[in-house]
């Protein structure tokens, strides 16, 4: 199992949580972005820079992801594609995407896009908070603990 991170918009605190987890449980964490990312020295942590372009990082994550991997993203279409490949998907606020909720989220995203394109101000997500990072860290820790104790 590997952890793939949609790193372009990923909060720094989430990356730091992932770096600590990678070293603690010795799981490979790969940050994928269209810009250079500095990572701490570790054989479990790497950054992959993709060319600039619409969805280039997302497309690369979809190429790399395998059944059972964990993808960290807030991007709903990327989450749907990763779920289709059998991955687990966690957003940086600690909310799981699943086959049960992804279609509803895609529909809501499309509705919001239509509202914005017609000139209606829809606002954006709330600022990332300390409680968001705490929820994310807890969900990640529980997931990784289950993976370590699961029969192979």
N, C-alpha and C. Protein backbone atom coordinates (compact mmCIF):
# COMPACT_ATOMS: atom_id res chain seq x y z
N UNK A 1 0.83 -1.18 0.00
CA UNK A 1 0.00 0.00 0.00
C UNK A 1 0.88 1.24 0.00
N UNK A 2 0.44 2.24 -0.75
CA UNK A 2 1.12 3.52 -0.79
C UNK A 2 0.10 4.62 -0.54
N UNK A 3 0.59 5.79 -0.18
CA UNK A 3 -0.24 6.97 0.00
C UNK A 3 0.15 7.96 -1.09
N UNK A 4 -0.82 8.37 -1.89
CA UNK A 4 -0.61 9.34 -2.96
C UNK A 4 -1.34 10.62 -2.57
N UNK A 5 -0.64 11.74 -2.68
CA UNK A 5 -1.18 13.01 -2.21
C UNK A 5 -1.31 13.99 -3.38
N UNK A 6 -2.50 14.52 -3.55
CA UNK A 6 -2.76 15.60 -4.49
C UNK A 6 -2.21 16.86 -3.81
N UNK A 7 -0.95 17.16 -4.05
CA UNK A 7 -0.21 18.08 -3.20
C UNK A 7 -0.31 19.55 -3.57
N UNK A 8 -0.79 19.89 -4.75
CA UNK A 8 -0.82 21.29 -5.15
C UNK A 8 -1.61 22.16 -4.17
N UNK A 9 -2.74 21.69 -3.71
CA UNK A 9 -3.58 22.48 -2.81
C UNK A 9 -3.65 21.89 -1.40
N UNK A 10 -2.82 20.92 -1.12
CA UNK A 10 -2.85 20.26 0.18
C UNK A 10 -2.24 21.17 1.25
N UNK A 11 -2.95 21.38 2.36
CA UNK A 11 -2.40 22.24 3.42
C UNK A 11 -1.06 21.71 3.95
N UNK A 12 -0.18 22.62 4.30
CA UNK A 12 1.14 22.26 4.81
C UNK A 12 1.02 21.36 6.04
N UNK A 13 0.09 21.66 6.92
CA UNK A 13 -0.05 20.86 8.14
C UNK A 13 -0.41 19.41 7.80
N UNK A 14 -1.18 19.18 6.76
CA UNK A 14 -1.53 17.82 6.34
C UNK A 14 -0.28 17.11 5.82
N UNK A 15 0.53 17.81 5.05
CA UNK A 15 1.78 17.21 4.57
C UNK A 15 2.66 16.82 5.75
N UNK A 16 2.76 17.68 6.75
CA UNK A 16 3.57 17.38 7.93
C UNK A 16 3.05 16.15 8.68
N UNK A 17 1.74 16.04 8.80
CA UNK A 17 1.13 14.86 9.43
C UNK A 17 1.49 13.60 8.63
N UNK A 18 1.41 13.70 7.31
CA UNK A 18 1.74 12.56 6.45
C UNK A 18 3.22 12.19 6.55
N UNK A 19 4.10 13.18 6.62
CA UNK A 19 5.53 12.91 6.75
C UNK A 19 5.81 12.13 8.04
N UNK A 20 5.20 12.56 9.15
CA UNK A 20 5.41 11.86 10.42
C UNK A 20 4.87 10.44 10.34
N UNK A 21 3.70 10.28 9.74
CA UNK A 21 3.10 8.94 9.62
C UNK A 21 3.95 8.03 8.74
N UNK A 22 4.50 8.56 7.67
CA UNK A 22 5.33 7.76 6.76
C UNK A 22 6.51 7.17 7.50
N UNK A 23 7.17 7.99 8.30
CA UNK A 23 8.33 7.51 9.05
C UNK A 23 7.91 6.55 10.16
N UNK A 24 6.81 6.86 10.82
CA UNK A 24 6.36 6.04 11.96
C UNK A 24 5.95 4.63 11.54
N UNK A 25 5.16 4.53 10.47
CA UNK A 25 4.64 3.21 10.07
C UNK A 25 5.33 2.66 8.82
N UNK A 26 6.32 3.40 8.33
CA UNK A 26 7.10 2.97 7.18
C UNK A 26 6.23 2.66 5.96
N UNK A 27 5.43 3.66 5.60
CA UNK A 27 4.59 3.57 4.41
C UNK A 27 5.07 4.63 3.43
N UNK A 28 5.07 4.28 2.14
CA UNK A 28 5.51 5.20 1.11
C UNK A 28 4.46 6.28 0.87
N UNK A 29 4.87 7.54 1.01
CA UNK A 29 4.02 8.70 0.75
C UNK A 29 4.61 9.44 -0.44
N UNK A 30 3.81 9.62 -1.48
CA UNK A 30 4.26 10.33 -2.68
C UNK A 30 3.39 11.56 -2.88
N UNK A 31 4.04 12.72 -2.87
CA UNK A 31 3.35 13.98 -3.15
C UNK A 31 3.43 14.23 -4.65
N UNK A 32 2.30 14.48 -5.28
CA UNK A 32 2.26 14.72 -6.72
C UNK A 32 1.77 16.15 -6.93
N UNK A 33 2.57 16.94 -7.66
CA UNK A 33 2.23 18.35 -7.88
C UNK A 33 2.85 18.83 -9.17
N UNK A 34 2.35 19.97 -9.67
CA UNK A 34 2.96 20.53 -10.88
C UNK A 34 3.97 21.61 -10.54
N UNK A 35 4.42 21.62 -9.30
CA UNK A 35 5.48 22.52 -8.87
C UNK A 35 6.47 21.75 -8.02
N UNK A 36 7.65 22.32 -7.85
CA UNK A 36 8.65 21.67 -7.02
C UNK A 36 8.20 21.68 -5.56
N UNK A 37 8.34 20.55 -4.88
CA UNK A 37 8.00 20.44 -3.47
C UNK A 37 9.21 19.95 -2.70
N UNK A 38 9.50 20.60 -1.61
CA UNK A 38 10.58 20.16 -0.73
C UNK A 38 10.00 19.14 0.24
N UNK A 39 10.70 18.04 0.39
CA UNK A 39 10.28 16.99 1.33
C UNK A 39 11.44 16.68 2.27
N UNK A 40 11.11 16.20 3.46
CA UNK A 40 12.19 15.82 4.38
C UNK A 40 12.91 14.57 3.86
N UNK A 41 14.17 14.42 4.22
CA UNK A 41 14.89 13.23 3.77
C UNK A 41 14.32 11.98 4.44
N UNK A 42 13.87 11.06 3.64
CA UNK A 42 13.32 9.79 4.12
C UNK A 42 13.15 8.86 2.94
N UNK A 43 13.42 7.61 3.15
CA UNK A 43 13.21 6.65 2.05
C UNK A 43 11.72 6.38 1.84
N UNK A 44 10.88 6.87 2.74
CA UNK A 44 9.43 6.64 2.65
C UNK A 44 8.69 7.83 2.06
N UNK A 45 9.37 8.92 1.77
CA UNK A 45 8.71 10.15 1.31
C UNK A 45 9.36 10.61 0.01
N UNK A 46 8.53 10.87 -0.99
CA UNK A 46 9.07 11.42 -2.24
C UNK A 46 8.07 12.39 -2.85
N UNK A 47 8.60 13.26 -3.69
CA UNK A 47 7.78 14.22 -4.42
C UNK A 47 7.93 13.94 -5.90
N UNK A 48 6.83 14.02 -6.59
CA UNK A 48 6.82 13.79 -8.03
C UNK A 48 6.25 15.04 -8.69
N UNK A 49 7.08 15.72 -9.48
CA UNK A 49 6.64 16.92 -10.17
C UNK A 49 6.18 16.54 -11.57
N UNK A 50 4.98 16.98 -11.91
CA UNK A 50 4.42 16.73 -13.24
C UNK A 50 4.42 18.04 -14.02
N UNK A 51 4.34 17.98 -15.35
CA UNK A 51 4.30 19.22 -16.13
C UNK A 51 3.06 20.05 -15.76
N UNK A 52 3.17 21.35 -15.94
CA UNK A 52 2.01 22.22 -15.71
C UNK A 52 0.93 21.84 -16.71
N UNK A 53 -0.28 21.97 -16.29
CA UNK A 53 -1.39 21.65 -17.18
C UNK A 53 -2.61 21.26 -16.38
N UNK A 54 -3.76 21.47 -16.97
CA UNK A 54 -5.02 21.17 -16.31
C UNK A 54 -5.09 19.69 -15.94
N UNK A 55 -5.25 19.41 -14.68
CA UNK A 55 -5.41 18.05 -14.14
C UNK A 55 -4.20 17.14 -14.36
N UNK A 56 -3.02 17.69 -14.64
CA UNK A 56 -1.84 16.84 -14.87
C UNK A 56 -1.50 16.02 -13.63
N UNK A 57 -1.55 16.65 -12.46
CA UNK A 57 -1.25 15.92 -11.22
C UNK A 57 -2.32 14.86 -10.96
N UNK A 58 -3.57 15.21 -11.17
CA UNK A 58 -4.66 14.25 -10.97
C UNK A 58 -4.50 13.05 -11.89
N UNK A 59 -4.20 13.32 -13.15
CA UNK A 59 -4.03 12.23 -14.12
C UNK A 59 -2.88 11.31 -13.71
N UNK A 60 -1.81 11.89 -13.20
CA UNK A 60 -0.66 11.06 -12.79
C UNK A 60 -1.02 10.21 -11.57
N UNK A 61 -1.77 10.77 -10.64
CA UNK A 61 -2.21 9.99 -9.48
C UNK A 61 -3.06 8.82 -9.93
N UNK A 62 -3.98 9.05 -10.86
CA UNK A 62 -4.83 7.97 -11.37
C UNK A 62 -3.98 6.89 -12.04
N UNK A 63 -2.92 7.28 -12.74
CA UNK A 63 -2.03 6.30 -13.35
C UNK A 63 -1.32 5.45 -12.30
N UNK A 64 -0.92 6.08 -11.20
CA UNK A 64 -0.12 5.40 -10.18
C UNK A 64 -0.93 4.58 -9.18
N UNK A 65 -2.16 4.99 -8.92
CA UNK A 65 -2.93 4.38 -7.83
C UNK A 65 -3.31 2.92 -8.14
N UNK A 66 -3.28 2.13 -7.09
CA UNK A 66 -3.62 0.71 -7.19
C UNK A 66 -4.67 0.37 -6.13
N UNK A 67 -5.30 -0.75 -6.31
CA UNK A 67 -6.29 -1.24 -5.36
C UNK A 67 -5.69 -1.27 -3.96
N UNK A 68 -6.39 -0.67 -3.00
CA UNK A 68 -5.94 -0.68 -1.62
C UNK A 68 -5.08 0.50 -1.22
N UNK A 69 -4.62 1.31 -2.18
CA UNK A 69 -3.83 2.50 -1.86
C UNK A 69 -4.71 3.54 -1.19
N UNK A 70 -4.08 4.54 -0.60
CA UNK A 70 -4.78 5.67 0.00
C UNK A 70 -4.44 6.92 -0.79
N UNK A 71 -5.46 7.66 -1.20
CA UNK A 71 -5.29 8.92 -1.91
C UNK A 71 -5.79 10.04 -1.00
N UNK A 72 -4.99 11.09 -0.88
CA UNK A 72 -5.37 12.27 -0.11
C UNK A 72 -5.68 13.38 -1.11
N UNK A 73 -6.94 13.81 -1.16
CA UNK A 73 -7.35 14.86 -2.09
C UNK A 73 -8.68 15.46 -1.65
N UNK A 74 -8.89 16.71 -2.04
CA UNK A 74 -10.19 17.35 -1.89
C UNK A 74 -10.89 17.44 -3.25
N UNK A 75 -10.22 16.97 -4.29
CA UNK A 75 -10.73 17.04 -5.65
C UNK A 75 -11.73 15.90 -5.88
N UNK A 76 -12.98 16.24 -6.10
CA UNK A 76 -14.03 15.22 -6.17
C UNK A 76 -13.89 14.33 -7.41
N UNK A 77 -13.64 14.87 -8.61
CA UNK A 77 -13.44 13.97 -9.75
C UNK A 77 -12.24 13.03 -9.56
N UNK A 78 -11.15 13.52 -8.98
CA UNK A 78 -10.01 12.65 -8.69
C UNK A 78 -10.41 11.58 -7.69
N UNK A 79 -11.16 11.95 -6.67
CA UNK A 79 -11.62 10.97 -5.68
C UNK A 79 -12.44 9.88 -6.36
N UNK A 80 -13.33 10.27 -7.27
CA UNK A 80 -14.16 9.30 -7.98
C UNK A 80 -13.30 8.34 -8.80
N UNK A 81 -12.32 8.87 -9.50
CA UNK A 81 -11.43 8.03 -10.32
C UNK A 81 -10.62 7.08 -9.45
N UNK A 82 -10.14 7.55 -8.31
CA UNK A 82 -9.37 6.69 -7.40
C UNK A 82 -10.25 5.60 -6.80
N UNK A 83 -11.47 5.96 -6.43
CA UNK A 83 -12.40 4.95 -5.91
C UNK A 83 -12.68 3.88 -6.97
N UNK A 84 -12.81 4.30 -8.23
CA UNK A 84 -13.05 3.35 -9.32
C UNK A 84 -11.90 2.35 -9.45
N UNK A 85 -10.70 2.74 -9.03
CA UNK A 85 -9.55 1.84 -9.10
C UNK A 85 -9.34 1.06 -7.80
N UNK A 86 -10.28 1.18 -6.86
CA UNK A 86 -10.22 0.40 -5.62
C UNK A 86 -9.43 1.05 -4.49
N UNK A 87 -9.12 2.33 -4.63
CA UNK A 87 -8.37 3.04 -3.59
C UNK A 87 -9.31 3.54 -2.50
N UNK A 88 -8.72 3.88 -1.37
CA UNK A 88 -9.39 4.57 -0.29
C UNK A 88 -9.08 6.05 -0.49
N UNK A 89 -10.04 6.93 -0.21
CA UNK A 89 -9.82 8.35 -0.47
C UNK A 89 -10.25 9.18 0.75
N UNK A 90 -9.31 9.97 1.24
CA UNK A 90 -9.52 10.82 2.41
C UNK A 90 -9.22 12.26 2.03
N UNK A 91 -10.13 13.17 2.40
CA UNK A 91 -9.83 14.57 2.10
C UNK A 91 -9.04 15.19 3.25
N UNK A 92 -8.39 16.33 3.01
CA UNK A 92 -7.53 16.92 4.04
C UNK A 92 -8.25 17.36 5.31
N UNK A 93 -9.58 17.38 5.29
CA UNK A 93 -10.35 17.72 6.49
C UNK A 93 -10.76 16.48 7.27
N UNK A 94 -10.35 15.30 6.77
CA UNK A 94 -10.63 14.07 7.49
C UNK A 94 -11.93 13.39 7.12
N UNK A 95 -12.50 13.75 5.99
CA UNK A 95 -13.75 13.14 5.52
C UNK A 95 -13.43 12.11 4.45
N UNK A 96 -14.04 10.94 4.60
CA UNK A 96 -13.81 9.87 3.63
C UNK A 96 -14.75 10.01 2.44
N UNK A 97 -14.20 9.83 1.26
CA UNK A 97 -15.02 9.66 0.06
C UNK A 97 -15.27 8.16 -0.05
N UNK A 98 -16.47 7.81 -0.52
CA UNK A 98 -16.81 6.40 -0.67
C UNK A 98 -17.72 6.22 -1.89
N UNK A 99 -17.92 5.00 -2.25
CA UNK A 99 -18.85 4.71 -3.36
C UNK A 99 -20.26 5.16 -2.99
N UNK A 100 -20.56 5.19 -1.70
CA UNK A 100 -21.90 5.60 -1.25
C UNK A 100 -22.11 7.10 -1.34
N UNK A 101 -21.06 7.92 -1.25
CA UNK A 101 -21.27 9.37 -1.25
C UNK A 101 -20.68 10.11 -2.44
N UNK A 102 -19.92 9.44 -3.29
CA UNK A 102 -19.20 10.17 -4.34
C UNK A 102 -20.14 10.71 -5.43
N UNK A 103 -21.17 9.97 -5.80
CA UNK A 103 -22.07 10.46 -6.86
C UNK A 103 -22.79 11.73 -6.41
N UNK A 104 -23.24 11.73 -5.16
CA UNK A 104 -23.91 12.92 -4.61
C UNK A 104 -22.95 14.12 -4.61
N UNK A 105 -21.71 13.89 -4.24
CA UNK A 105 -20.72 14.97 -4.21
C UNK A 105 -20.40 15.47 -5.61
N UNK A 106 -20.34 14.56 -6.59
CA UNK A 106 -20.11 14.98 -7.97
C UNK A 106 -21.28 15.83 -8.47
N UNK A 107 -22.49 15.42 -8.14
CA UNK A 107 -23.68 16.17 -8.55
C UNK A 107 -23.68 17.56 -7.93
N UNK A 108 -23.39 17.64 -6.63
CA UNK A 108 -23.36 18.93 -5.94
C UNK A 108 -22.26 19.82 -6.53
N UNK A 109 -21.13 19.25 -6.85
CA UNK A 109 -20.04 20.02 -7.47
C UNK A 109 -20.50 20.59 -8.80
N UNK A 110 -21.18 19.78 -9.61
CA UNK A 110 -21.66 20.25 -10.91
C UNK A 110 -22.69 21.37 -10.75
N UNK A 111 -23.59 21.24 -9.77
CA UNK A 111 -24.58 22.28 -9.52
C UNK A 111 -23.89 23.59 -9.13
N UNK A 112 -22.91 23.51 -8.25
CA UNK A 112 -22.19 24.71 -7.82
C UNK A 112 -21.43 25.33 -8.99
N UNK A 113 -20.85 24.51 -9.85
CA UNK A 113 -20.16 25.03 -11.04
C UNK A 113 -21.14 25.78 -11.94
N UNK A 114 -22.34 25.24 -12.11
CA UNK A 114 -23.34 25.89 -12.95
C UNK A 114 -23.77 27.23 -12.33
N UNK A 115 -23.95 27.25 -11.02
CA UNK A 115 -24.32 28.50 -10.35
C UNK A 115 -23.23 29.55 -10.53
N UNK A 116 -21.97 29.15 -10.33
CA UNK A 116 -20.86 30.10 -10.49
C UNK A 116 -20.76 30.60 -11.93
N UNK A 117 -20.96 29.71 -12.90
CA UNK A 117 -20.83 30.12 -14.30
C UNK A 117 -21.98 31.04 -14.72
N UNK A 118 -23.08 31.01 -13.98
CA UNK A 118 -24.18 31.92 -14.29
C UNK A 118 -24.08 33.22 -13.50
N UNK A 119 -22.98 33.40 -12.77
CA UNK A 119 -22.73 34.66 -12.08
C UNK A 119 -23.16 34.70 -10.63
N UNK A 120 -23.64 33.60 -10.11
CA UNK A 120 -24.07 33.57 -8.71
C UNK A 120 -22.86 33.29 -7.83
N UNK A 121 -22.68 34.14 -6.81
CA UNK A 121 -21.58 33.97 -5.86
C UNK A 121 -21.94 32.87 -4.86
N UNK A 122 -21.14 31.80 -4.87
CA UNK A 122 -21.45 30.65 -4.00
C UNK A 122 -20.56 30.56 -2.78
N UNK A 123 -19.57 31.44 -2.70
CA UNK A 123 -18.62 31.35 -1.58
C UNK A 123 -17.69 30.18 -1.80
N UNK A 124 -16.91 29.89 -0.82
CA UNK A 124 -15.98 28.78 -0.92
C UNK A 124 -15.96 28.02 0.38
N UNK A 125 -15.05 27.09 0.49
CA UNK A 125 -14.98 26.32 1.74
C UNK A 125 -14.50 27.20 2.89
N UNK A 126 -14.83 26.80 4.08
CA UNK A 126 -14.36 27.50 5.28
C UNK A 126 -12.84 27.39 5.34
N UNK A 127 -12.19 28.34 5.97
CA UNK A 127 -10.73 28.23 6.12
C UNK A 127 -10.36 26.95 6.85
N UNK A 128 -9.21 26.40 6.48
CA UNK A 128 -8.72 25.18 7.13
C UNK A 128 -8.39 25.50 8.58
N UNK A 129 -8.84 24.66 9.50
CA UNK A 129 -8.69 24.96 10.92
C UNK A 129 -7.88 23.88 11.64
N UNK A 130 -7.52 24.19 12.88
CA UNK A 130 -6.81 23.23 13.71
C UNK A 130 -7.67 21.99 13.96
N UNK A 131 -8.97 22.18 14.08
CA UNK A 131 -9.83 21.01 14.28
C UNK A 131 -9.87 20.13 13.03
N UNK A 132 -9.78 20.76 11.84
CA UNK A 132 -9.71 19.97 10.60
C UNK A 132 -8.47 19.09 10.60
N UNK A 133 -7.32 19.65 10.98
CA UNK A 133 -6.09 18.85 10.98
C UNK A 133 -6.15 17.75 12.03
N UNK A 134 -6.81 18.01 13.15
CA UNK A 134 -6.95 16.99 14.19
C UNK A 134 -7.82 15.84 13.70
N UNK A 135 -8.91 16.16 13.04
CA UNK A 135 -9.80 15.12 12.48
C UNK A 135 -9.04 14.32 11.42
N UNK A 136 -8.32 15.02 10.53
CA UNK A 136 -7.54 14.33 9.50
C UNK A 136 -6.53 13.37 10.13
N UNK A 137 -5.77 13.86 11.10
CA UNK A 137 -4.75 13.02 11.75
C UNK A 137 -5.37 11.79 12.40
N UNK A 138 -6.51 11.96 13.04
CA UNK A 138 -7.18 10.83 13.67
C UNK A 138 -7.65 9.80 12.66
N UNK A 139 -8.25 10.26 11.57
CA UNK A 139 -8.72 9.34 10.53
C UNK A 139 -7.54 8.61 9.89
N UNK A 140 -6.46 9.33 9.62
CA UNK A 140 -5.28 8.71 9.02
C UNK A 140 -4.69 7.67 9.97
N UNK A 141 -4.54 8.01 11.22
CA UNK A 141 -3.98 7.07 12.20
C UNK A 141 -4.83 5.80 12.31
N UNK A 142 -6.15 5.95 12.36
CA UNK A 142 -7.03 4.76 12.44
C UNK A 142 -6.89 3.90 11.19
N UNK A 143 -6.84 4.55 10.03
CA UNK A 143 -6.69 3.80 8.78
C UNK A 143 -5.38 3.02 8.76
N UNK A 144 -4.29 3.70 9.10
CA UNK A 144 -2.98 3.04 9.07
C UNK A 144 -2.89 1.94 10.11
N UNK A 145 -3.50 2.12 11.26
CA UNK A 145 -3.50 1.08 12.30
C UNK A 145 -4.25 -0.16 11.81
N UNK A 146 -5.39 0.05 11.15
CA UNK A 146 -6.15 -1.08 10.60
C UNK A 146 -5.34 -1.82 9.54
N UNK A 147 -4.61 -1.07 8.72
CA UNK A 147 -3.80 -1.69 7.67
C UNK A 147 -2.66 -2.52 8.25
N UNK A 148 -2.09 -2.06 9.36
CA UNK A 148 -0.97 -2.79 9.99
C UNK A 148 -1.45 -4.07 10.64
N UNK A 149 -2.67 -4.07 11.18
CA UNK A 149 -3.16 -5.24 11.89
C UNK A 149 -3.95 -6.19 11.01
N UNK A 150 -4.26 -5.78 9.78
CA UNK A 150 -5.03 -6.64 8.87
C UNK A 150 -4.17 -7.81 8.42
N UNK A 151 -4.80 -9.00 8.31
CA UNK A 151 -4.04 -10.15 7.80
C UNK A 151 -3.62 -9.90 6.36
N UNK A 152 -2.45 -10.39 6.02
CA UNK A 152 -1.93 -10.16 4.65
C UNK A 152 -2.13 -11.36 3.79
